[in-house]
PDB file of N, CA and C in Angstrom:
ATOM      1  N   MET A   1     114.389  -9.530  66.731  1.00  0.00           N
ATOM      2  CA  MET A   1     114.770 -10.420  67.810  1.00  0.00           C
ATOM      3  C   MET A   1     114.415  -9.769  69.144  1.00  0.00           C
ATOM      4  N   LEU A   2     113.887 -10.560  70.025  1.00  0.00           N
ATOM      5  CA  LEU A   2     113.464 -10.075  71.332  1.00  0.00           C
ATOM      6  C   LEU A   2     114.646 -10.018  72.294  1.00  0.00           C
ATOM      7  N   THR A   3     114.577  -9.082  73.225  1.00  0.00           N
ATOM      8  CA  THR A   3     115.577  -9.038  74.279  1.00  0.00           C
ATOM      9  C   THR A   3     115.233 -10.116  75.305  1.00  0.00           C
ATOM     10  N   VAL A   4     116.104 -10.262  76.269  1.00  0.00           N
ATOM     11  CA  VAL A   4     115.896 -11.277  77.299  1.00  0.00           C
ATOM     12  C   VAL A   4     114.607 -11.000  78.070  1.00  0.00           C
ATOM     13  N   ASP A   5     114.423  -9.775  78.483  1.00  0.00           N
ATOM     14  CA  ASP A   5     113.247  -9.433  79.281  1.00  0.00           C
ATOM     15  C   ASP A   5     111.956  -9.562  78.480  1.00  0.00           C
ATOM     16  N   GLU A   6     112.001  -9.174  77.203  1.00  0.00           N
ATOM     17  CA  GLU A   6     110.812  -9.293  76.357  1.00  0.00           C
ATOM     18  C   GLU A   6     110.420 -10.746  76.142  1.00  0.00           C
ATOM     19  N   SER A   7     111.421 -11.603  75.928  1.00  0.00           N
ATOM     20  CA  SER A   7     111.109 -13.018  75.725  1.00  0.00           C
ATOM     21  C   SER A   7     110.548 -13.648  76.997  1.00  0.00           C
ATOM     22  N   ILE A   8     111.040 -13.241  78.143  1.00  0.00           N
ATOM     23  CA  ILE A   8     110.528 -13.756  79.418  1.00  0.00           C
ATOM     24  C   ILE A   8     109.082 -13.302  79.626  1.00  0.00           C
ATOM     25  N   ILE A   9     108.793 -12.043  79.291  1.00  0.00           N
ATOM     26  CA  ILE A   9     107.424 -11.531  79.405  1.00  0.00           C
ATOM     27  C   ILE A   9     106.484 -12.297  78.484  1.00  0.00           C
ATOM     28  N   GLU A  10     106.911 -12.542  77.247  1.00  0.00           N
ATOM     29  CA  GLU A  10     106.094 -13.303  76.297  1.00  0.00           C
ATOM     30  C   GLU A  10     105.847 -14.723  76.802  1.00  0.00           C
ATOM     31  N   LEU A  11     106.887 -15.350  77.310  1.00  0.00           N
ATOM     32  CA  LEU A  11     106.742 -16.720  77.812  1.00  0.00           C
ATOM     33  C   LEU A  11     105.796 -16.782  79.000  1.00  0.00           C
ATOM     34  N   ARG A  12     105.897 -15.836  79.891  1.00  0.00           N
ATOM     35  CA  ARG A  12     104.982 -15.817  81.042  1.00  0.00           C
ATOM     36  C   ARG A  12     103.541 -15.599  80.600  1.00  0.00           C
ATOM     37  N   LYS A  13     103.349 -14.768  79.590  1.00  0.00           N
ATOM     38  CA  LYS A  13     102.005 -14.521  79.069  1.00  0.00           C
ATOM     39  C   LYS A  13     101.413 -15.818  78.510  1.00  0.00           C
ATOM     40  N   HIS A  14     102.222 -16.569  77.766  1.00  0.00           N
ATOM     41  CA  HIS A  14     101.726 -17.822  77.192  1.00  0.00           C
ATOM     42  C   HIS A  14     101.529 -18.896  78.256  1.00  0.00           C
ATOM     43  N   LEU A  15     102.352 -18.883  79.289  1.00  0.00           N
ATOM     44  CA  LEU A  15     102.163 -19.838  80.382  1.00  0.00           C
ATOM     45  C   LEU A  15     100.881 -19.546  81.156  1.00  0.00           C
ATOM     46  N   ARG A  16     100.559 -18.265  81.348  1.00  0.00           N
ATOM     47  CA  ARG A  16      99.279 -17.905  81.977  1.00  0.00           C
ATOM     48  C   ARG A  16      98.110 -18.352  81.098  1.00  0.00           C
ATOM     49  N   LYS A  17      98.290 -18.209  79.791  1.00  0.00           N
ATOM     50  CA  LYS A  17      97.241 -18.632  78.862  1.00  0.00           C
ATOM     51  C   LYS A  17      97.038 -20.148  78.955  1.00  0.00           C
ATOM     52  N   LEU A  18      98.132 -20.899  79.066  1.00  0.00           N
ATOM     53  CA  LEU A  18      98.040 -22.349  79.225  1.00  0.00           C
ATOM     54  C   LEU A  18      97.324 -22.697  80.523  1.00  0.00           C
ATOM     55  N   SER A  19      97.647 -22.003  81.580  1.00  0.00           N
ATOM     56  CA  SER A  19      96.991 -22.233  82.862  1.00  0.00           C
ATOM     57  C   SER A  19      95.495 -21.945  82.770  1.00  0.00           C
ATOM     58  N   ASN A  20      95.131 -20.862  82.095  1.00  0.00           N
ATOM     59  CA  ASN A  20      93.713 -20.529  81.925  1.00  0.00           C
ATOM     60  C   ASN A  20      92.974 -21.562  81.081  1.00  0.00           C
ATOM     61  N   VAL A  21      93.619 -22.058  80.042  1.00  0.00           N
ATOM     62  CA  VAL A  21      92.986 -23.087  79.206  1.00  0.00           C
ATOM     63  C   VAL A  21      92.718 -24.337  80.027  1.00  0.00           C
ATOM     64  N   ILE A  22      93.685 -24.724  80.842  1.00  0.00           N
ATOM     65  CA  ILE A  22      93.513 -25.924  81.663  1.00  0.00           C
ATOM     66  C   ILE A  22      92.396 -25.718  82.686  1.00  0.00           C
ATOM     67  N   ASN A  23      92.358 -24.555  83.308  1.00  0.00           N
ATOM     68  CA  ASN A  23      91.363 -24.305  84.351  1.00  0.00           C
ATOM     69  C   ASN A  23      89.964 -24.066  83.811  1.00  0.00           C
ATOM     70  N   ASN A  24      89.840 -23.363  82.701  1.00  0.00           N
ATOM     71  CA  ASN A  24      88.525 -22.884  82.266  1.00  0.00           C
ATOM     72  C   ASN A  24      87.930 -23.587  81.053  1.00  0.00           C
ATOM     73  N   ASN A  25      88.709 -24.341  80.303  1.00  0.00           N
ATOM     74  CA  ASN A  25      88.201 -24.919  79.063  1.00  0.00           C
ATOM     75  C   ASN A  25      88.116 -26.439  79.096  1.00  0.00           C
ATOM     76  N   ALA A  26      87.912 -27.000  80.235  1.00  0.00           N
ATOM     77  CA  ALA A  26      87.800 -28.455  80.339  1.00  0.00           C
ATOM     78  C   ALA A  26      86.411 -28.904  79.893  1.00  0.00           C
ATOM     79  N   SER A  27      86.388 -29.990  79.145  1.00  0.00           N
ATOM     80  CA  SER A  27      85.102 -30.574  78.753  1.00  0.00           C
ATOM     81  C   SER A  27      84.377 -31.100  79.974  1.00  0.00           C
ATOM     82  N   PHE A  28      85.117 -31.799  80.808  1.00  0.00           N
ATOM     83  CA  PHE A  28      84.589 -32.210  82.103  1.00  0.00           C
ATOM     84  C   PHE A  28      85.737 -32.506  83.052  1.00  0.00           C
ATOM     85  N   THR A  29      85.426 -32.476  84.326  1.00  0.00           N
ATOM     86  CA  THR A  29      86.404 -32.704  85.370  1.00  0.00           C
ATOM     87  C   THR A  29      85.952 -33.884  86.208  1.00  0.00           C
ATOM     88  N   LEU A  30      86.867 -34.766  86.498  1.00  0.00           N
ATOM     89  CA  LEU A  30      86.573 -35.927  87.320  1.00  0.00           C
ATOM     90  C   LEU A  30      87.685 -36.059  88.354  1.00  0.00           C
ATOM     91  N   PHE A  31      87.393 -35.674  89.574  1.00  0.00           N
ATOM     92  CA  PHE A  31      88.330 -35.697  90.692  1.00  0.00           C
ATOM     93  C   PHE A  31      89.591 -34.885  90.370  1.00  0.00           C
ATOM     94  N   LYS A  32      90.718 -35.553  90.131  1.00  0.00           N
ATOM     95  CA  LYS A  32      91.991 -34.869  89.905  1.00  0.00           C
ATOM     96  C   LYS A  32      92.294 -34.641  88.431  1.00  0.00           C
ATOM     97  N   VAL A  33      91.391 -35.027  87.561  1.00  0.00           N
ATOM     98  CA  VAL A  33      91.673 -35.043  86.133  1.00  0.00           C
ATOM     99  C   VAL A  33      90.690 -34.167  85.375  1.00  0.00           C
ATOM    100  N   LYS A  34      91.212 -33.431  84.391  1.00  0.00           N
ATOM    101  CA  LYS A  34      90.362 -32.643  83.495  1.00  0.00           C
ATOM    102  C   LYS A  34      90.592 -33.122  82.072  1.00  0.00           C
ATOM    103  N   VAL A  35      89.530 -33.106  81.286  1.00  0.00           N
ATOM    104  CA  VAL A  35      89.630 -33.449  79.871  1.00  0.00           C
ATOM    105  C   VAL A  35      89.520 -32.138  79.097  1.00  0.00           C
ATOM    106  N   VAL A  36      90.591 -31.829  78.350  1.00  0.00           N
ATOM    107  CA  VAL A  36      90.679 -30.556  77.640  1.00  0.00           C
ATOM    108  C   VAL A  36      90.899 -30.837  76.159  1.00  0.00           C
ATOM    109  N   ASP A  37      90.347 -29.959  75.315  1.00  0.00           N
ATOM    110  CA  ASP A  37      90.481 -30.073  73.871  1.00  0.00           C
ATOM    111  C   ASP A  37      91.956 -30.066  73.460  1.00  0.00           C
ATOM    112  N   LYS A  38      92.335 -31.035  72.678  1.00  0.00           N
ATOM    113  CA  LYS A  38      93.715 -31.223  72.256  1.00  0.00           C
ATOM    114  C   LYS A  38      94.229 -30.029  71.447  1.00  0.00           C
ATOM    115  N   ASN A  39      93.414 -29.499  70.561  1.00  0.00           N
ATOM    116  CA  ASN A  39      93.856 -28.401  69.699  1.00  0.00           C
ATOM    117  C   ASN A  39      94.184 -27.141  70.498  1.00  0.00           C
ATOM    118  N   ARG A  40      93.409 -26.861  71.537  1.00  0.00           N
ATOM    119  CA  ARG A  40      93.663 -25.677  72.368  1.00  0.00           C
ATOM    120  C   ARG A  40      95.011 -25.795  73.081  1.00  0.00           C
ATOM    121  N   ILE A  41      95.271 -26.963  73.637  1.00  0.00           N
ATOM    122  CA  ILE A  41      96.537 -27.183  74.346  1.00  0.00           C
ATOM    123  C   ILE A  41      97.706 -27.117  73.370  1.00  0.00           C
ATOM    124  N   ASP A  42      97.579 -27.769  72.221  1.00  0.00           N
ATOM    125  CA  ASP A  42      98.652 -27.777  71.237  1.00  0.00           C
ATOM    126  C   ASP A  42      98.945 -26.373  70.706  1.00  0.00           C
ATOM    127  N   ASP A  43      97.917 -25.562  70.526  1.00  0.00           N
ATOM    128  CA  ASP A  43      98.116 -24.191  70.061  1.00  0.00           C
ATOM    129  C   ASP A  43      98.914 -23.370  71.063  1.00  0.00           C
ATOM    130  N   VAL A  44      98.579 -23.490  72.325  1.00  0.00           N
ATOM    131  CA  VAL A  44      99.287 -22.726  73.355  1.00  0.00           C
ATOM    132  C   VAL A  44     100.718 -23.240  73.506  1.00  0.00           C
ATOM    133  N   LEU A  45     100.927 -24.559  73.446  1.00  0.00           N
ATOM    134  CA  LEU A  45     102.288 -25.096  73.526  1.00  0.00           C
ATOM    135  C   LEU A  45     103.129 -24.639  72.340  1.00  0.00           C
ATOM    136  N   CYS A  46     102.510 -24.532  71.181  1.00  0.00           N
ATOM    137  CA  CYS A  46     103.215 -24.037  70.002  1.00  0.00           C
ATOM    138  C   CYS A  46     103.646 -22.581  70.208  1.00  0.00           C
ATOM    139  N   CYS A  47     102.777 -21.784  70.785  1.00  0.00           N
ATOM    140  CA  CYS A  47     103.110 -20.379  71.079  1.00  0.00           C
ATOM    141  C   CYS A  47     104.251 -20.292  72.098  1.00  0.00           C
ATOM    142  N   ILE A  48     104.231 -21.168  73.071  1.00  0.00           N
ATOM    143  CA  ILE A  48     105.296 -21.180  74.083  1.00  0.00           C
ATOM    144  C   ILE A  48     106.625 -21.521  73.428  1.00  0.00           C
ATOM    145  N   GLU A  49     106.639 -22.562  72.613  1.00  0.00           N
ATOM    146  CA  GLU A  49     107.874 -22.980  71.966  1.00  0.00           C
ATOM    147  C   GLU A  49     108.373 -21.931  70.978  1.00  0.00           C
ATOM    148  N   ALA A  50     107.468 -21.210  70.341  1.00  0.00           N
ATOM    149  CA  ALA A  50     107.881 -20.150  69.418  1.00  0.00           C
ATOM    150  C   ALA A  50     108.466 -18.959  70.167  1.00  0.00           C
ATOM    151  N   SER A  51     108.098 -18.776  71.411  1.00  0.00           N
ATOM    152  CA  SER A  51     108.596 -17.647  72.207  1.00  0.00           C
ATOM    153  C   SER A  51     109.958 -17.906  72.827  1.00  0.00           C
ATOM    154  N   PHE A  52     110.403 -19.155  72.833  1.00  0.00           N
ATOM    155  CA  PHE A  52     111.715 -19.451  73.374  1.00  0.00           C
ATOM    156  C   PHE A  52     112.798 -18.769  72.531  1.00  0.00           C
ATOM    157  N   PRO A  53     113.833 -18.234  73.169  1.00  0.00           N
ATOM    158  CA  PRO A  53     114.966 -17.710  72.403  1.00  0.00           C
ATOM    159  C   PRO A  53     115.654 -18.845  71.639  1.00  0.00           C
ATOM    160  N   ASP A  54     116.323 -18.517  70.546  1.00  0.00           N
ATOM    161  CA  ASP A  54     116.953 -19.531  69.701  1.00  0.00           C
ATOM    162  C   ASP A  54     117.986 -20.360  70.463  1.00  0.00           C
ATOM    163  N   GLU A  55     118.736 -19.724  71.339  1.00  0.00           N
ATOM    164  CA  GLU A  55     119.753 -20.446  72.109  1.00  0.00           C
ATOM    165  C   GLU A  55     119.102 -21.477  73.029  1.00  0.00           C
ATOM    166  N   TYR A  56     117.958 -21.114  73.593  1.00  0.00           N
ATOM    167  CA  TYR A  56     117.261 -22.030  74.489  1.00  0.00           C
ATOM    168  C   TYR A  56     116.643 -23.187  73.712  1.00  0.00           C
ATOM    169  N   LYS A  57     116.186 -22.920  72.492  1.00  0.00           N
ATOM    170  CA  LYS A  57     115.639 -23.989  71.653  1.00  0.00           C
ATOM    171  C   LYS A  57     116.693 -25.044  71.363  1.00  0.00           C
ATOM    172  N   LYS A  58     117.929 -24.610  71.159  1.00  0.00           N
ATOM    173  CA  LYS A  58     119.020 -25.552  70.913  1.00  0.00           C
ATOM    174  C   LYS A  58     119.249 -26.444  72.127  1.00  0.00           C
ATOM    175  N   ILE A  59     119.148 -25.859  73.308  1.00  0.00           N
ATOM    176  CA  ILE A  59     119.337 -26.628  74.541  1.00  0.00           C
ATOM    177  C   ILE A  59     118.196 -27.625  74.725  1.00  0.00           C
ATOM    178  N   LEU A  60     116.964 -27.224  74.373  1.00  0.00           N
ATOM    179  CA  LEU A  60     115.817 -28.130  74.499  1.00  0.00           C
ATOM    180  C   LEU A  60     115.971 -29.370  73.629  1.00  0.00           C
ATOM    181  N   LYS A  61     116.607 -29.212  72.472  1.00  0.00           N
ATOM    182  CA  LYS A  61     116.774 -30.343  71.560  1.00  0.00           C
ATOM    183  C   LYS A  61     117.828 -31.328  72.047  1.00  0.00           C
ATOM    184  N   GLN A  62     118.753 -30.855  72.879  1.00  0.00           N
ATOM    185  CA  GLN A  62     119.773 -31.742  73.417  1.00  0.00           C
ATOM    186  C   GLN A  62     119.148 -32.720  74.397  1.00  0.00           C
ATOM    187  N   LYS A  63     119.626 -33.916  74.394  1.00  0.00           N
ATOM    188  CA  LYS A  63     119.079 -34.925  75.301  1.00  0.00           C
ATOM    189  C   LYS A  63     119.478 -34.658  76.746  1.00  0.00           C
ATOM    190  N   GLN A  64     120.679 -34.150  76.944  1.00  0.00           N
ATOM    191  CA  GLN A  64     121.149 -33.963  78.309  1.00  0.00           C
ATOM    192  C   GLN A  64     121.564 -32.504  78.495  1.00  0.00           C
ATOM    193  N   ALA A  65     120.716 -31.746  79.120  1.00  0.00           N
ATOM    194  CA  ALA A  65     121.013 -30.352  79.430  1.00  0.00           C
ATOM    195  C   ALA A  65     121.103 -30.245  80.946  1.00  0.00           C
ATOM    196  N   GLY A  66     122.177 -30.750  81.523  1.00  0.00           N
ATOM    197  CA  GLY A  66     122.314 -30.936  82.958  1.00  0.00           C
ATOM    198  C   GLY A  66     122.205 -29.691  83.806  1.00  0.00           C
ATOM    199  N   ARG A  67     122.755 -28.587  83.356  1.00  0.00           N
ATOM    200  CA  ARG A  67     122.755 -27.411  84.219  1.00  0.00           C
ATOM    201  C   ARG A  67     121.489 -26.587  84.123  1.00  0.00           C
ATOM    202  N   TYR A  68     120.580 -26.958  83.251  1.00  0.00           N
ATOM    203  CA  TYR A  68     119.328 -26.221  83.075  1.00  0.00           C
ATOM    204  C   TYR A  68     118.154 -27.057  83.592  1.00  0.00           C
ATOM    205  N   LYS A  69     117.684 -26.713  84.757  1.00  0.00           N
ATOM    206  CA  LYS A  69     116.585 -27.457  85.376  1.00  0.00           C
ATOM    207  C   LYS A  69     115.269 -27.219  84.640  1.00  0.00           C
ATOM    208  N   SER A  70     115.143 -26.077  83.981  1.00  0.00           N
ATOM    209  CA  SER A  70     113.905 -25.753  83.277  1.00  0.00           C
ATOM    210  C   SER A  70     113.635 -26.706  82.119  1.00  0.00           C
ATOM    211  N   VAL A  71     114.685 -27.276  81.544  1.00  0.00           N
ATOM    212  CA  VAL A  71     114.504 -28.219  80.438  1.00  0.00           C
ATOM    213  C   VAL A  71     113.764 -29.468  80.923  1.00  0.00           C
ATOM    214  N   SER A  72     114.204 -30.012  82.040  1.00  0.00           N
ATOM    215  CA  SER A  72     113.525 -31.198  82.567  1.00  0.00           C
ATOM    216  C   SER A  72     112.112 -30.856  83.039  1.00  0.00           C
ATOM    217  N   LEU A  73     111.913 -29.649  83.597  1.00  0.00           N
ATOM    218  CA  LEU A  73     110.572 -29.228  83.995  1.00  0.00           C
ATOM    219  C   LEU A  73     109.651 -29.077  82.787  1.00  0.00           C
ATOM    220  N   TYR A  74     110.177 -28.553  81.700  1.00  0.00           N
ATOM    221  CA  TYR A  74     109.368 -28.385  80.500  1.00  0.00           C
ATOM    222  C   TYR A  74     108.948 -29.740  79.932  1.00  0.00           C
ATOM    223  N   HIS A  75     109.878 -30.682  79.890  1.00  0.00           N
ATOM    224  CA  HIS A  75     109.538 -32.018  79.404  1.00  0.00           C
ATOM    225  C   HIS A  75     108.525 -32.700  80.325  1.00  0.00           C
ATOM    226  N   SER A  76     108.650 -32.491  81.622  1.00  0.00           N
ATOM    227  CA  SER A  76     107.664 -33.034  82.566  1.00  0.00           C
ATOM    228  C   SER A  76     106.303 -32.383  82.375  1.00  0.00           C
ATOM    229  N   LEU A  77     106.299 -31.084  82.131  1.00  0.00           N
ATOM    230  CA  LEU A  77     105.055 -30.359  81.891  1.00  0.00           C
ATOM    231  C   LEU A  77     104.357 -30.881  80.644  1.00  0.00           C
ATOM    232  N   LYS A  78     105.111 -31.043  79.571  1.00  0.00           N
ATOM    233  CA  LYS A  78     104.507 -31.559  78.340  1.00  0.00           C
ATOM    234  C   LYS A  78     103.979 -32.973  78.536  1.00  0.00           C
ATOM    235  N   ALA A  79     104.713 -33.795  79.276  1.00  0.00           N
ATOM    236  CA  ALA A  79     104.270 -35.161  79.517  1.00  0.00           C
ATOM    237  C   ALA A  79     102.999 -35.200  80.361  1.00  0.00           C
ATOM    238  N   SER A  80     102.881 -34.293  81.325  1.00  0.00           N
ATOM    239  CA  SER A  80     101.688 -34.300  82.168  1.00  0.00           C
ATOM    240  C   SER A  80     100.479 -33.715  81.454  1.00  0.00           C
ATOM    241  N   ILE A  81     100.706 -32.831  80.509  1.00  0.00           N
ATOM    242  CA  ILE A  81      99.600 -32.195  79.801  1.00  0.00           C
ATOM    243  C   ILE A  81      99.144 -33.014  78.601  1.00  0.00           C
ATOM    244  N   GLN A  82     100.053 -33.620  77.898  1.00  0.00           N
ATOM    245  CA  GLN A  82      99.719 -34.298  76.654  1.00  0.00           C
ATOM    246  C   GLN A  82      99.477 -35.795  76.836  1.00  0.00           C
ATOM    247  N   ARG A  83      98.717 -36.143  77.850  1.00  0.00           N
ATOM    248  CA  ARG A  83      98.348 -37.542  78.068  1.00  0.00           C
ATOM    249  C   ARG A  83      97.109 -37.858  77.248  1.00  0.00           C
ATOM    250  N   LYS A  84      97.155 -38.923  76.504  1.00  0.00           N
ATOM    251  CA  LYS A  84      96.041 -39.295  75.632  1.00  0.00           C
ATOM    252  C   LYS A  84      94.824 -39.722  76.452  1.00  0.00           C
ATOM    253  N   PHE A  85      93.659 -39.314  75.967  1.00  0.00           N
ATOM    254  CA  PHE A  85      92.393 -39.697  76.582  1.00  0.00           C
ATOM    255  C   PHE A  85      91.873 -40.908  75.833  1.00  0.00           C
ATOM    256  N   ILE A  86      91.577 -41.969  76.546  1.00  0.00           N
ATOM    257  CA  ILE A  86      91.246 -43.249  75.939  1.00  0.00           C
ATOM    258  C   ILE A  86      89.958 -43.216  75.115  1.00  0.00           C
ATOM    259  N   PHE A  87      89.006 -42.344  75.469  1.00  0.00           N
ATOM    260  CA  PHE A  87      87.722 -42.339  74.791  1.00  0.00           C
ATOM    261  C   PHE A  87      87.642 -41.354  73.629  1.00  0.00           C
ATOM    262  N   SER A  88      88.625 -40.468  73.504  1.00  0.00           N
ATOM    263  CA  SER A  88      88.589 -39.484  72.428  1.00  0.00           C
ATOM    264  C   SER A  88      90.011 -39.110  72.022  1.00  0.00           C
ATOM    265  N   SER A  89      90.267 -39.130  70.731  1.00  0.00           N
ATOM    266  CA  SER A  89      91.587 -38.732  70.254  1.00  0.00           C
ATOM    267  C   SER A  89      91.687 -37.216  70.096  1.00  0.00           C
ATOM    268  N   GLU A  90      90.605 -36.510  70.350  1.00  0.00           N
ATOM    269  CA  GLU A  90      90.555 -35.051  70.229  1.00  0.00           C
ATOM    270  C   GLU A  90      90.745 -34.344  71.565  1.00  0.00           C
ATOM    271  N   SER A  91      91.087 -35.095  72.606  1.00  0.00           N
ATOM    272  CA  SER A  91      91.209 -34.512  73.942  1.00  0.00           C
ATOM    273  C   SER A  91      92.442 -35.045  74.650  1.00  0.00           C
ATOM    274  N   TYR A  92      92.919 -34.250  75.599  1.00  0.00           N
ATOM    275  CA  TYR A  92      93.993 -34.662  76.489  1.00  0.00           C
ATOM    276  C   TYR A  92      93.436 -34.842  77.891  1.00  0.00           C
ATOM    277  N   LEU A  93      94.029 -35.757  78.621  1.00  0.00           N
ATOM    278  CA  LEU A  93      93.686 -36.025  80.010  1.00  0.00           C
ATOM    279  C   LEU A  93      94.757 -35.357  80.873  1.00  0.00           C
ATOM    280  N   ILE A  94      94.369 -34.379  81.659  1.00  0.00           N
ATOM    281  CA  ILE A  94      95.341 -33.556  82.385  1.00  0.00           C
ATOM    282  C   ILE A  94      95.088 -33.633  83.877  1.00  0.00           C
ATOM    283  N   ARG A  95      96.129 -33.919  84.632  1.00  0.00           N
ATOM    284  CA  ARG A  95      96.063 -33.790  86.094  1.00  0.00           C
ATOM    285  C   ARG A  95      96.320 -32.321  86.393  1.00  0.00           C
ATOM    286  N   HIS A  96      95.241 -31.587  86.626  1.00  0.00           N
ATOM    287  CA  HIS A  96      95.329 -30.135  86.651  1.00  0.00           C
ATOM    288  C   HIS A  96      96.157 -29.577  87.797  1.00  0.00           C
ATOM    289  N   LYS A  97      96.153 -30.193  88.949  1.00  0.00           N
ATOM    290  CA  LYS A  97      96.960 -29.675  90.062  1.00  0.00           C
ATOM    291  C   LYS A  97      98.449 -29.872  89.794  1.00  0.00           C
ATOM    292  N   ASP A  98      98.813 -31.023  89.241  1.00  0.00           N
ATOM    293  CA  ASP A  98     100.207 -31.262  88.878  1.00  0.00           C
ATOM    294  C   ASP A  98     100.649 -30.289  87.790  1.00  0.00           C
ATOM    295  N   ALA A  99      99.787 -30.092  86.812  1.00  0.00           N
ATOM    296  CA  ALA A  99     100.121 -29.187  85.711  1.00  0.00           C
ATOM    297  C   ALA A  99     100.301 -27.761  86.207  1.00  0.00           C
ATOM    298  N   GLN A 100      99.438 -27.317  87.101  1.00  0.00           N
ATOM    299  CA  GLN A 100      99.544 -25.954  87.622  1.00  0.00           C
ATOM    300  C   GLN A 100     100.831 -25.755  88.414  1.00  0.00           C
ATOM    301  N   SER A 101     101.215 -26.750  89.202  1.00  0.00           N
ATOM    302  CA  SER A 101     102.458 -26.615  89.968  1.00  0.00           C
ATOM    303  C   SER A 101     103.671 -26.646  89.041  1.00  0.00           C
ATOM    304  N   LEU A 102     103.628 -27.455  87.975  1.00  0.00           N
ATOM    305  CA  LEU A 102     104.724 -27.482  87.008  1.00  0.00           C
ATOM    306  C   LEU A 102     104.815 -26.169  86.241  1.00  0.00           C
ATOM    307  N   ILE A 103     103.677 -25.582  85.895  1.00  0.00           N
ATOM    308  CA  ILE A 103     103.680 -24.298  85.187  1.00  0.00           C
ATOM    309  C   ILE A 103     104.293 -23.216  86.071  1.00  0.00           C
ATOM    310  N   ALA A 104     103.918 -23.179  87.332  1.00  0.00           N
ATOM    311  CA  ALA A 104     104.460 -22.174  88.258  1.00  0.00           C
ATOM    312  C   ALA A 104     105.968 -22.353  88.452  1.00  0.00           C
ATOM    313  N   GLY A 105     106.398 -23.582  88.649  1.00  0.00           N
ATOM    314  CA  GLY A 105     107.828 -23.847  88.819  1.00  0.00           C
ATOM    315  C   GLY A 105     108.617 -23.559  87.562  1.00  0.00           C
ATOM    316  N   PHE A 106     108.063 -23.923  86.424  1.00  0.00           N
ATOM    317  CA  PHE A 106     108.738 -23.695  85.152  1.00  0.00           C
ATOM    318  C   PHE A 106     108.897 -22.208  84.883  1.00  0.00           C
ATOM    319  N   SER A 107     107.897 -21.426  85.214  1.00  0.00           N
ATOM    320  CA  SER A 107     107.947 -19.982  84.995  1.00  0.00           C
ATOM    321  C   SER A 107     109.093 -19.336  85.775  1.00  0.00           C
ATOM    322  N   VAL A 108     109.268 -19.747  87.002  1.00  0.00           N
ATOM    323  CA  VAL A 108     110.325 -19.174  87.843  1.00  0.00           C
ATOM    324  C   VAL A 108     111.704 -19.635  87.381  1.00  0.00           C
ATOM    325  N   ILE A 109     111.857 -20.917  87.167  1.00  0.00           N
ATOM    326  CA  ILE A 109     113.165 -21.481  86.816  1.00  0.00           C
ATOM    327  C   ILE A 109     113.572 -21.062  85.404  1.00  0.00           C
ATOM    328  N   LEU A 110     112.593 -20.919  84.522  1.00  0.00           N
ATOM    329  CA  LEU A 110     112.897 -20.540  83.145  1.00  0.00           C
ATOM    330  C   LEU A 110     113.569 -19.170  83.087  1.00  0.00           C
ATOM    331  N   GLU A 111     113.071 -18.234  83.866  1.00  0.00           N
ATOM    332  CA  GLU A 111     113.672 -16.904  83.885  1.00  0.00           C
ATOM    333  C   GLU A 111     115.131 -16.974  84.326  1.00  0.00           C
ATOM    334  N   GLN A 112     115.413 -17.753  85.349  1.00  0.00           N
ATOM    335  CA  GLN A 112     116.788 -17.894  85.822  1.00  0.00           C
ATOM    336  C   GLN A 112     117.673 -18.534  84.758  1.00  0.00           C
ATOM    337  N   ASP A 113     117.175 -19.581  84.104  1.00  0.00           N
ATOM    338  CA  ASP A 113     117.976 -20.285  83.108  1.00  0.00           C
ATOM    339  C   ASP A 113     118.239 -19.435  81.869  1.00  0.00           C
ATOM    340  N   ILE A 114     117.251 -18.669  81.429  1.00  0.00           N
ATOM    341  CA  ILE A 114     117.451 -17.829  80.249  1.00  0.00           C
ATOM    342  C   ILE A 114     118.452 -16.719  80.555  1.00  0.00           C
ATOM    343  N   LYS A 115     118.349 -16.113  81.724  1.00  0.00           N
ATOM    344  CA  LYS A 115     119.321 -15.073  82.097  1.00  0.00           C
ATOM    345  C   LYS A 115     120.716 -15.669  82.232  1.00  0.00           C
ATOM    346  N   PHE A 116     120.830 -16.855  82.797  1.00  0.00           N
ATOM    347  CA  PHE A 116     122.121 -17.532  82.911  1.00  0.00           C
ATOM    348  C   PHE A 116     122.682 -17.833  81.531  1.00  0.00           C
ATOM    349  N   LEU A 117     121.828 -18.275  80.625  1.00  0.00           N
ATOM    350  CA  LEU A 117     122.248 -18.596  79.265  1.00  0.00           C
ATOM    351  C   LEU A 117     122.767 -17.354  78.539  1.00  0.00           C
ATOM    352  N   TYR A 118     122.042 -16.246  78.643  1.00  0.00           N
ATOM    353  CA  TYR A 118     122.460 -15.017  77.976  1.00  0.00           C
ATOM    354  C   TYR A 118     123.719 -14.409  78.607  1.00  0.00           C
ATOM    355  N   ASN A 119     123.895 -14.565  79.892  1.00  0.00           N
ATOM    356  CA  ASN A 119     125.079 -14.009  80.558  1.00  0.00           C
ATOM    357  C   ASN A 119     126.344 -14.816  80.251  1.00  0.00           C
ATOM    358  N   ASN A 120     126.183 -16.082  79.890  1.00  0.00           N
ATOM    359  CA  ASN A 120     127.345 -16.936  79.632  1.00  0.00           C
ATOM    360  C   ASN A 120     127.649 -17.120  78.148  1.00  0.00           C
ATOM    361  N   LEU A 121     127.015 -16.354  77.290  1.00  0.00           N
ATOM    362  CA  LEU A 121     127.302 -16.434  75.854  1.00  0.00           C
ATOM    363  C   LEU A 121     128.480 -15.588  75.487  1.00  0.00           C
TER     364      LEU A 121
END
């Protein structure tokens, strides 16, 4: 089992990887939108979800996690990244600037929420 700091480091590493995939692995870019391979995004999201501590995973499954802002940010991030591309079922349509700002905000807030969660157990 990972400590709090180790899990935060792992999560940040995977969030940077997600940011790099969005920025560098787009099939093509059109104005504010990038088309990225679905499997690459899903693999990185799977790694992110696997890095969450067990207590945080329980909170993510709850519909209403009011005191944890990172939960709503994570759901917004997934919604902005996993938009279906009409011409290909093998790609996602991503608004890259929105995704990058959500990744940055999620990274900061997630650390606060995980530390708060561990301190209140």
